Amino acid sequence: MEQQKMTVENTLAVLGWSMVVNFGILLIWVLAMKLMPNLTYRTQSLVTSISREDFDRIMYTMMGQFKLALLITHFGPYVALRIVFT
């Protein structure tokens, strides 16, 4: 099998699809917390004992950190490559 070189176009495609997949995961997470908050809390409380207030605070903090990480590691490089190479 012939190896393909990592071109700018391939890098943009990988970053783009990675962004789509990861923001899809974030969307599902947000929808689960908004549409089924009691179910998500009950599911997690089976594993660990945590208050509802702590659970909500931790979940929303983690969502924000996940979104920030995606913007820094995927969106930023994607936009920079688009600006420089197109």
PDB file of N, CA and C in Angstrom:
ATOM      1  N   MET A   1       0.829  -1.179   0.000  1.00  0.00           N
ATOM      2  CA  MET A   1       0.000   0.000   0.000  1.00  0.00           C
ATOM      3  C   MET A   1       0.877   1.247   0.000  1.00  0.00           C
ATOM      4  N   GLU A   2       0.528   2.177  -0.842  1.00  0.00           N
ATOM      5  CA  GLU A   2       1.324   3.391  -0.996  1.00  0.00           C
ATOM      6  C   GLU A   2       1.002   4.386   0.117  1.00  0.00           C
ATOM      7  N   GLN A   3       2.048   4.979   0.688  1.00  0.00           N
ATOM      8  CA  GLN A   3       1.845   5.968   1.740  1.00  0.00           C
ATOM      9  C   GLN A   3       1.475   7.307   1.125  1.00  0.00           C
ATOM     10  N   GLN A   4       0.539   7.995   1.790  1.00  0.00           N
ATOM     11  CA  GLN A   4       0.169   9.327   1.343  1.00  0.00           C
ATOM     12  C   GLN A   4       0.896  10.355   2.185  1.00  0.00           C
ATOM     13  N   LYS A   5       1.272  11.448   1.539  1.00  0.00           N
ATOM     14  CA  LYS A   5       1.922  12.529   2.261  1.00  0.00           C
ATOM     15  C   LYS A   5       0.864  13.404   2.917  1.00  0.00           C
ATOM     16  N   MET A   6       1.246  13.974   4.049  1.00  0.00           N
ATOM     17  CA  MET A   6       0.333  14.853   4.761  1.00  0.00           C
ATOM     18  C   MET A   6       0.441  16.247   4.158  1.00  0.00           C
ATOM     19  N   THR A   7      -0.455  16.557   3.254  1.00  0.00           N
ATOM     20  CA  THR A   7      -0.465  17.863   2.610  1.00  0.00           C
ATOM     21  C   THR A   7      -1.321  18.829   3.426  1.00  0.00           C
ATOM     22  N   VAL A   8      -1.287  20.074   3.036  1.00  0.00           N
ATOM     23  CA  VAL A   8      -2.113  21.080   3.716  1.00  0.00           C
ATOM     24  C   VAL A   8      -3.592  20.726   3.554  1.00  0.00           C
ATOM     25  N   GLU A   9      -3.972  20.264   2.379  1.00  0.00           N
ATOM     26  CA  GLU A   9      -5.370  19.889   2.144  1.00  0.00           C
ATOM     27  C   GLU A   9      -5.795  18.738   3.050  1.00  0.00           C
ATOM     28  N   ASN A  10      -4.912  17.747   3.202  1.00  0.00           N
ATOM     29  CA  ASN A  10      -5.219  16.628   4.087  1.00  0.00           C
ATOM     30  C   ASN A  10      -5.315  17.087   5.542  1.00  0.00           C
ATOM     31  N   THR A  11      -4.427  17.973   5.942  1.00  0.00           N
ATOM     32  CA  THR A  11      -4.447  18.490   7.309  1.00  0.00           C
ATOM     33  C   THR A  11      -5.736  19.253   7.569  1.00  0.00           C
ATOM     34  N   LEU A  12      -6.146  20.084   6.602  1.00  0.00           N
ATOM     35  CA  LEU A  12      -7.394  20.823   6.748  1.00  0.00           C
ATOM     36  C   LEU A  12      -8.589  19.872   6.836  1.00  0.00           C
ATOM     37  N   ALA A  13      -8.569  18.819   6.036  1.00  0.00           N
ATOM     38  CA  ALA A  13      -9.663  17.854   6.079  1.00  0.00           C
ATOM     39  C   ALA A  13      -9.721  17.142   7.428  1.00  0.00           C
ATOM     40  N   VAL A  14      -8.562  16.733   7.940  1.00  0.00           N
ATOM     41  CA  VAL A  14      -8.519  16.053   9.242  1.00  0.00           C
ATOM     42  C   VAL A  14      -9.005  16.973  10.346  1.00  0.00           C
ATOM     43  N   LEU A  15      -8.505  18.216  10.362  1.00  0.00           N
ATOM     44  CA  LEU A  15      -8.942  19.165  11.390  1.00  0.00           C
ATOM     45  C   LEU A  15     -10.433  19.468  11.262  1.00  0.00           C
ATOM     46  N   GLY A  16     -10.905  19.618  10.044  1.00  0.00           N
ATOM     47  CA  GLY A  16     -12.328  19.909   9.832  1.00  0.00           C
ATOM     48  C   GLY A  16     -13.223  18.795  10.320  1.00  0.00           C
ATOM     49  N   TRP A  17     -12.934  17.567   9.927  1.00  0.00           N
ATOM     50  CA  TRP A  17     -13.770  16.444  10.344  1.00  0.00           C
ATOM     51  C   TRP A  17     -13.634  16.172  11.839  1.00  0.00           C
ATOM     52  N   SER A  18     -12.451  16.382  12.373  1.00  0.00           N
ATOM     53  CA  SER A  18     -12.262  16.219  13.814  1.00  0.00           C
ATOM     54  C   SER A  18     -13.106  17.236  14.577  1.00  0.00           C
ATOM     55  N   MET A  19     -13.171  18.462  14.056  1.00  0.00           N
ATOM     56  CA  MET A  19     -14.015  19.483  14.673  1.00  0.00           C
ATOM     57  C   MET A  19     -15.482  19.083  14.630  1.00  0.00           C
ATOM     58  N   VAL A  20     -15.926  18.588  13.494  1.00  0.00           N
ATOM     59  CA  VAL A  20     -17.327  18.177  13.348  1.00  0.00           C
ATOM     60  C   VAL A  20     -17.672  17.083  14.353  1.00  0.00           C
ATOM     61  N   VAL A  21     -16.831  16.073  14.438  1.00  0.00           N
ATOM     62  CA  VAL A  21     -17.085  14.958  15.363  1.00  0.00           C
ATOM     63  C   VAL A  21     -17.084  15.438  16.814  1.00  0.00           C
ATOM     64  N   ASN A  22     -16.085  16.227  17.188  1.00  0.00           N
ATOM     65  CA  ASN A  22     -15.980  16.662  18.573  1.00  0.00           C
ATOM     66  C   ASN A  22     -17.072  17.647  18.970  1.00  0.00           C
ATOM     67  N   PHE A  23     -17.460  18.557  18.075  1.00  0.00           N
ATOM     68  CA  PHE A  23     -18.571  19.445  18.397  1.00  0.00           C
ATOM     69  C   PHE A  23     -19.887  18.678  18.418  1.00  0.00           C
ATOM     70  N   GLY A  24     -19.984  17.591  17.654  1.00  0.00           N
ATOM     71  CA  GLY A  24     -21.161  16.716  17.749  1.00  0.00           C
ATOM     72  C   GLY A  24     -21.257  16.060  19.120  1.00  0.00           C
ATOM     73  N   ILE A  25     -20.125  15.616  19.628  1.00  0.00           N
ATOM     74  CA  ILE A  25     -20.097  15.037  20.980  1.00  0.00           C
ATOM     75  C   ILE A  25     -20.512  16.081  22.006  1.00  0.00           C
ATOM     76  N   LEU A  26     -19.990  17.301  21.853  1.00  0.00           N
ATOM     77  CA  LEU A  26     -20.360  18.388  22.763  1.00  0.00           C
ATOM     78  C   LEU A  26     -21.848  18.690  22.673  1.00  0.00           C
ATOM     79  N   LEU A  27     -22.408  18.684  21.479  1.00  0.00           N
ATOM     80  CA  LEU A  27     -23.837  18.940  21.297  1.00  0.00           C
ATOM     81  C   LEU A  27     -24.686  17.874  21.981  1.00  0.00           C
ATOM     82  N   ILE A  28     -24.309  16.618  21.835  1.00  0.00           N
ATOM     83  CA  ILE A  28     -25.041  15.533  22.499  1.00  0.00           C
ATOM     84  C   ILE A  28     -24.965  15.697  24.008  1.00  0.00           C
ATOM     85  N   TRP A  29     -23.798  16.056  24.521  1.00  0.00           N
ATOM     86  CA  TRP A  29     -23.602  16.266  25.953  1.00  0.00           C
ATOM     87  C   TRP A  29     -24.496  17.398  26.464  1.00  0.00           C
ATOM     88  N   VAL A  30     -24.512  18.528  25.732  1.00  0.00           N
ATOM     89  CA  VAL A  30     -25.340  19.664  26.130  1.00  0.00           C
ATOM     90  C   VAL A  30     -26.818  19.291  26.083  1.00  0.00           C
ATOM     91  N   LEU A  31     -27.236  18.617  25.024  1.00  0.00           N
ATOM     92  CA  LEU A  31     -28.637  18.209  24.914  1.00  0.00           C
ATOM     93  C   LEU A  31     -29.035  17.258  26.036  1.00  0.00           C
ATOM     94  N   ALA A  32     -28.151  16.341  26.391  1.00  0.00           N
ATOM     95  CA  ALA A  32     -28.448  15.417  27.491  1.00  0.00           C
ATOM     96  C   ALA A  32     -28.614  16.177  28.798  1.00  0.00           C
ATOM     97  N   MET A  33     -27.771  17.174  29.021  1.00  0.00           N
ATOM     98  CA  MET A  33     -27.867  17.949  30.264  1.00  0.00           C
ATOM     99  C   MET A  33     -29.085  18.867  30.272  1.00  0.00           C
ATOM    100  N   LYS A  34     -29.522  19.338  29.111  1.00  0.00           N
ATOM    101  CA  LYS A  34     -30.673  20.237  29.046  1.00  0.00           C
ATOM    102  C   LYS A  34     -31.996  19.479  28.999  1.00  0.00           C
ATOM    103  N   LEU A  35     -32.046  18.388  28.234  1.00  0.00           N
ATOM    104  CA  LEU A  35     -33.304  17.672  28.037  1.00  0.00           C
ATOM    105  C   LEU A  35     -33.548  16.572  29.072  1.00  0.00           C
ATOM    106  N   MET A  36     -32.480  15.996  29.619  1.00  0.00           N
ATOM    107  CA  MET A  36     -32.621  14.899  30.573  1.00  0.00           C
ATOM    108  C   MET A  36     -31.726  15.100  31.793  1.00  0.00           C
ATOM    109  N   PRO A  37     -31.836  16.224  32.488  1.00  0.00           N
ATOM    110  CA  PRO A  37     -30.903  16.473  33.594  1.00  0.00           C
ATOM    111  C   PRO A  37     -31.055  15.475  34.736  1.00  0.00           C
ATOM    112  N   ASN A  38     -32.280  15.064  35.025  1.00  0.00           N
ATOM    113  CA  ASN A  38     -32.479  14.116  36.127  1.00  0.00           C
ATOM    114  C   ASN A  38     -31.911  12.738  35.798  1.00  0.00           C
ATOM    115  N   LEU A  39     -32.083  12.308  34.560  1.00  0.00           N
ATOM    116  CA  LEU A  39     -31.549  11.011  34.150  1.00  0.00           C
ATOM    117  C   LEU A  39     -30.026  11.008  34.206  1.00  0.00           C
ATOM    118  N   THR A  40     -29.404  12.068  33.716  1.00  0.00           N
ATOM    119  CA  THR A  40     -27.940  12.106  33.752  1.00  0.00           C
ATOM    120  C   THR A  40     -27.429  12.147  35.192  1.00  0.00           C
ATOM    121  N   TYR A  41     -28.119  12.880  36.045  1.00  0.00           N
ATOM    122  CA  TYR A  41     -27.692  12.928  37.452  1.00  0.00           C
ATOM    123  C   TYR A  41     -27.868  11.574  38.128  1.00  0.00           C
ATOM    124  N   ARG A  42     -29.017  10.941  37.913  1.00  0.00           N
ATOM    125  CA  ARG A  42     -29.259   9.626  38.534  1.00  0.00           C
ATOM    126  C   ARG A  42     -28.260   8.589  38.045  1.00  0.00           C
ATOM    127  N   THR A  43     -27.934   8.632  36.762  1.00  0.00           N
ATOM    128  CA  THR A  43     -26.968   7.688  36.211  1.00  0.00           C
ATOM    129  C   THR A  43     -25.613   7.866  36.868  1.00  0.00           C
ATOM    130  N   GLN A  44     -25.174   9.105  37.011  1.00  0.00           N
ATOM    131  CA  GLN A  44     -23.877   9.357  37.630  1.00  0.00           C
ATOM    132  C   GLN A  44     -23.889   9.102  39.133  1.00  0.00           C
ATOM    133  N   SER A  45     -25.034   9.311  39.774  1.00  0.00           N
ATOM    134  CA  SER A  45     -25.084   9.092  41.219  1.00  0.00           C
ATOM    135  C   SER A  45     -25.032   7.606  41.571  1.00  0.00           C
ATOM    136  N   LEU A  46     -25.240   6.743  40.594  1.00  0.00           N
ATOM    137  CA  LEU A  46     -25.049   5.315  40.831  1.00  0.00           C
ATOM    138  C   LEU A  46     -23.572   4.988  41.015  1.00  0.00           C
ATOM    139  N   VAL A  47     -22.718   5.761  40.367  1.00  0.00           N
ATOM    140  CA  VAL A  47     -21.284   5.515  40.402  1.00  0.00           C
ATOM    141  C   VAL A  47     -20.626   6.217  41.581  1.00  0.00           C
ATOM    142  N   THR A  48     -21.055   7.434  41.862  1.00  0.00           N
ATOM    143  CA  THR A  48     -20.424   8.225  42.905  1.00  0.00           C
ATOM    144  C   THR A  48     -21.479   9.027  43.656  1.00  0.00           C
ATOM    145  N   SER A  49     -21.211   9.293  44.904  1.00  0.00           N
ATOM    146  CA  SER A  49     -22.150  10.118  45.667  1.00  0.00           C
ATOM    147  C   SER A  49     -21.721  11.572  45.537  1.00  0.00           C
ATOM    148  N   ILE A  50     -22.584  12.369  44.932  1.00  0.00           N
ATOM    149  CA  ILE A  50     -22.289  13.769  44.688  1.00  0.00           C
ATOM    150  C   ILE A  50     -23.596  14.538  44.773  1.00  0.00           C
ATOM    151  N   SER A  51     -23.523  15.745  45.291  1.00  0.00           N
ATOM    152  CA  SER A  51     -24.742  16.549  45.388  1.00  0.00           C
ATOM    153  C   SER A  51     -25.133  17.049  43.996  1.00  0.00           C
ATOM    154  N   ARG A  52     -26.399  17.383  43.862  1.00  0.00           N
ATOM    155  CA  ARG A  52     -26.902  17.850  42.565  1.00  0.00           C
ATOM    156  C   ARG A  52     -26.210  19.157  42.158  1.00  0.00           C
ATOM    157  N   GLU A  53     -26.006  20.045  43.100  1.00  0.00           N
ATOM    158  CA  GLU A  53     -25.362  21.324  42.798  1.00  0.00           C
ATOM    159  C   GLU A  53     -23.924  21.107  42.321  1.00  0.00           C
ATOM    160  N   ASP A  54     -23.206  20.222  43.001  1.00  0.00           N
ATOM    161  CA  ASP A  54     -21.831  19.917  42.584  1.00  0.00           C
ATOM    162  C   ASP A  54     -21.809  19.259  41.209  1.00  0.00           C
ATOM    163  N   PHE A  55     -22.746  18.365  40.979  1.00  0.00           N
ATOM    164  CA  PHE A  55     -22.839  17.683  39.691  1.00  0.00           C
ATOM    165  C   PHE A  55     -23.046  18.689  38.566  1.00  0.00           C
ATOM    166  N   ASP A  56     -24.011  19.591  38.733  1.00  0.00           N
ATOM    167  CA  ASP A  56     -24.278  20.596  37.698  1.00  0.00           C
ATOM    168  C   ASP A  56     -23.071  21.494  37.473  1.00  0.00           C
ATOM    169  N   ARG A  57     -22.448  21.935  38.557  1.00  0.00           N
ATOM    170  CA  ARG A  57     -21.285  22.809  38.436  1.00  0.00           C
ATOM    171  C   ARG A  57     -20.146  22.102  37.695  1.00  0.00           C
ATOM    172  N   ILE A  58     -19.886  20.863  38.050  1.00  0.00           N
ATOM    173  CA  ILE A  58     -18.805  20.104  37.420  1.00  0.00           C
ATOM    174  C   ILE A  58     -19.102  19.858  35.936  1.00  0.00           C
ATOM    175  N   MET A  59     -20.343  19.480  35.616  1.00  0.00           N
ATOM    176  CA  MET A  59     -20.693  19.200  34.218  1.00  0.00           C
ATOM    177  C   MET A  59     -20.554  20.440  33.349  1.00  0.00           C
ATOM    178  N   TYR A  60     -21.081  21.572  33.813  1.00  0.00           N
ATOM    179  CA  TYR A  60     -21.005  22.780  32.997  1.00  0.00           C
ATOM    180  C   TYR A  60     -19.581  23.314  32.905  1.00  0.00           C
ATOM    181  N   THR A  61     -18.797  23.134  33.949  1.00  0.00           N
ATOM    182  CA  THR A  61     -17.385  23.512  33.891  1.00  0.00           C
ATOM    183  C   THR A  61     -16.646  22.638  32.878  1.00  0.00           C
ATOM    184  N   MET A  62     -16.915  21.346  32.898  1.00  0.00           N
ATOM    185  CA  MET A  62     -16.252  20.434  31.958  1.00  0.00           C
ATOM    186  C   MET A  62     -16.675  20.723  30.517  1.00  0.00           C
ATOM    187  N   MET A  63     -17.952  21.053  30.311  1.00  0.00           N
ATOM    188  CA  MET A  63     -18.393  21.410  28.959  1.00  0.00           C
ATOM    189  C   MET A  63     -17.656  22.641  28.451  1.00  0.00           C
ATOM    190  N   GLY A  64     -17.505  23.632  29.305  1.00  0.00           N
ATOM    191  CA  GLY A  64     -16.784  24.841  28.921  1.00  0.00           C
ATOM    192  C   GLY A  64     -15.330  24.558  28.618  1.00  0.00           C
ATOM    193  N   GLN A  65     -14.703  23.728  29.432  1.00  0.00           N
ATOM    194  CA  GLN A  65     -13.296  23.381  29.194  1.00  0.00           C
ATOM    195  C   GLN A  65     -13.134  22.577  27.909  1.00  0.00           C
ATOM    196  N   PHE A  66     -14.068  21.679  27.643  1.00  0.00           N
ATOM    197  CA  PHE A  66     -14.031  20.877  26.415  1.00  0.00           C
ATOM    198  C   PHE A  66     -14.172  21.784  25.196  1.00  0.00           C
ATOM    199  N   LYS A  67     -15.119  22.722  25.257  1.00  0.00           N
ATOM    200  CA  LYS A  67     -15.316  23.643  24.145  1.00  0.00           C
ATOM    201  C   LYS A  67     -14.076  24.517  23.929  1.00  0.00           C
ATOM    202  N   LEU A  68     -13.508  25.009  25.007  1.00  0.00           N
ATOM    203  CA  LEU A  68     -12.302  25.830  24.902  1.00  0.00           C
ATOM    204  C   LEU A  68     -11.143  25.024  24.307  1.00  0.00           C
ATOM    205  N   ALA A  69     -10.993  23.792  24.737  1.00  0.00           N
ATOM    206  CA  ALA A  69      -9.934  22.934  24.197  1.00  0.00           C
ATOM    207  C   ALA A  69     -10.136  22.695  22.698  1.00  0.00           C
ATOM    208  N   LEU A  70     -11.379  22.505  22.277  1.00  0.00           N
ATOM    209  CA  LEU A  70     -11.653  22.315  20.843  1.00  0.00           C
ATOM    210  C   LEU A  70     -11.315  23.568  20.052  1.00  0.00           C
ATOM    211  N   LEU A  71     -11.665  24.715  20.593  1.00  0.00           N
ATOM    212  CA  LEU A  71     -11.363  25.959  19.884  1.00  0.00           C
ATOM    213  C   LEU A  71      -9.861  26.171  19.751  1.00  0.00           C
ATOM    214  N   ILE A  72      -9.123  25.846  20.802  1.00  0.00           N
ATOM    215  CA  ILE A  72      -7.677  26.058  20.779  1.00  0.00           C
ATOM    216  C   ILE A  72      -6.971  25.029  19.897  1.00  0.00           C
ATOM    217  N   THR A  73      -7.354  23.770  20.012  1.00  0.00           N
ATOM    218  CA  THR A  73      -6.608  22.711  19.322  1.00  0.00           C
ATOM    219  C   THR A  73      -7.125  22.381  17.928  1.00  0.00           C
ATOM    220  N   HIS A  74      -8.355  22.768  17.592  1.00  0.00           N
ATOM    221  CA  HIS A  74      -8.899  22.430  16.282  1.00  0.00           C
ATOM    222  C   HIS A  74      -9.248  23.669  15.460  1.00  0.00           C
ATOM    223  N   PHE A  75     -10.070  24.539  16.021  1.00  0.00           N
ATOM    224  CA  PHE A  75     -10.556  25.689  15.264  1.00  0.00           C
ATOM    225  C   PHE A  75      -9.440  26.683  14.954  1.00  0.00           C
ATOM    226  N   GLY A  76      -8.615  26.977  15.941  1.00  0.00           N
ATOM    227  CA  GLY A  76      -7.513  27.921  15.731  1.00  0.00           C
ATOM    228  C   GLY A  76      -6.573  27.484  14.629  1.00  0.00           C
ATOM    229  N   PRO A  77      -6.030  26.278  14.713  1.00  0.00           N
ATOM    230  CA  PRO A  77      -5.142  25.818  13.627  1.00  0.00           C
ATOM    231  C   PRO A  77      -5.854  25.731  12.272  1.00  0.00           C
ATOM    232  N   TYR A  78      -7.117  25.345  12.260  1.00  0.00           N
ATOM    233  CA  TYR A  78      -7.878  25.262  11.011  1.00  0.00           C
ATOM    234  C   TYR A  78      -7.966  26.636  10.347  1.00  0.00           C
ATOM    235  N   VAL A  79      -8.349  27.643  11.126  1.00  0.00           N
ATOM    236  CA  VAL A  79      -8.472  29.000  10.586  1.00  0.00           C
ATOM    237  C   VAL A  79      -7.107  29.525  10.154  1.00  0.00           C
ATOM    238  N   ALA A  80      -6.080  29.273  10.949  1.00  0.00           N
ATOM    239  CA  ALA A  80      -4.738  29.742  10.595  1.00  0.00           C
ATOM    240  C   ALA A  80      -4.270  29.115   9.284  1.00  0.00           C
ATOM    241  N   LEU A  81      -4.472  27.828   9.118  1.00  0.00           N
ATOM    242  CA  LEU A  81      -4.072  27.189   7.855  1.00  0.00           C
ATOM    243  C   LEU A  81      -4.878  27.722   6.680  1.00  0.00           C
ATOM    244  N   ARG A  82      -6.152  27.962   6.892  1.00  0.00           N
ATOM    245  CA  ARG A  82      -6.999  28.526   5.821  1.00  0.00           C
ATOM    246  C   ARG A  82      -6.495  29.908   5.410  1.00  0.00           C
ATOM    247  N   ILE A  83      -6.148  30.727   6.386  1.00  0.00           N
ATOM    248  CA  ILE A  83      -5.670  32.084   6.097  1.00  0.00           C
ATOM    249  C   ILE A  83      -4.338  32.034   5.347  1.00  0.00           C
ATOM    250  N   VAL A  84      -3.426  31.225   5.830  1.00  0.00           N
ATOM    251  CA  VAL A  84      -2.082  31.200   5.258  1.00  0.00           C
ATOM    252  C   VAL A  84      -2.037  30.544   3.881  1.00  0.00           C
ATOM    253  N   PHE A  85      -2.771  29.459   3.688  1.00  0.00           N
ATOM    254  CA  PHE A  85      -2.624  28.670   2.462  1.00  0.00           C
ATOM    255  C   PHE A  85      -3.739  28.843   1.458  1.00  0.00           C
ATOM    256  N   THR A  86      -4.691  29.749   1.695  1.00  0.00           N
ATOM    257  CA  THR A  86      -5.717  29.972   0.665  1.00  0.00           C
ATOM    258  C   THR A  86      -5.927  31.438   0.427  1.00  0.00           C
TER     259      THR A  86
END
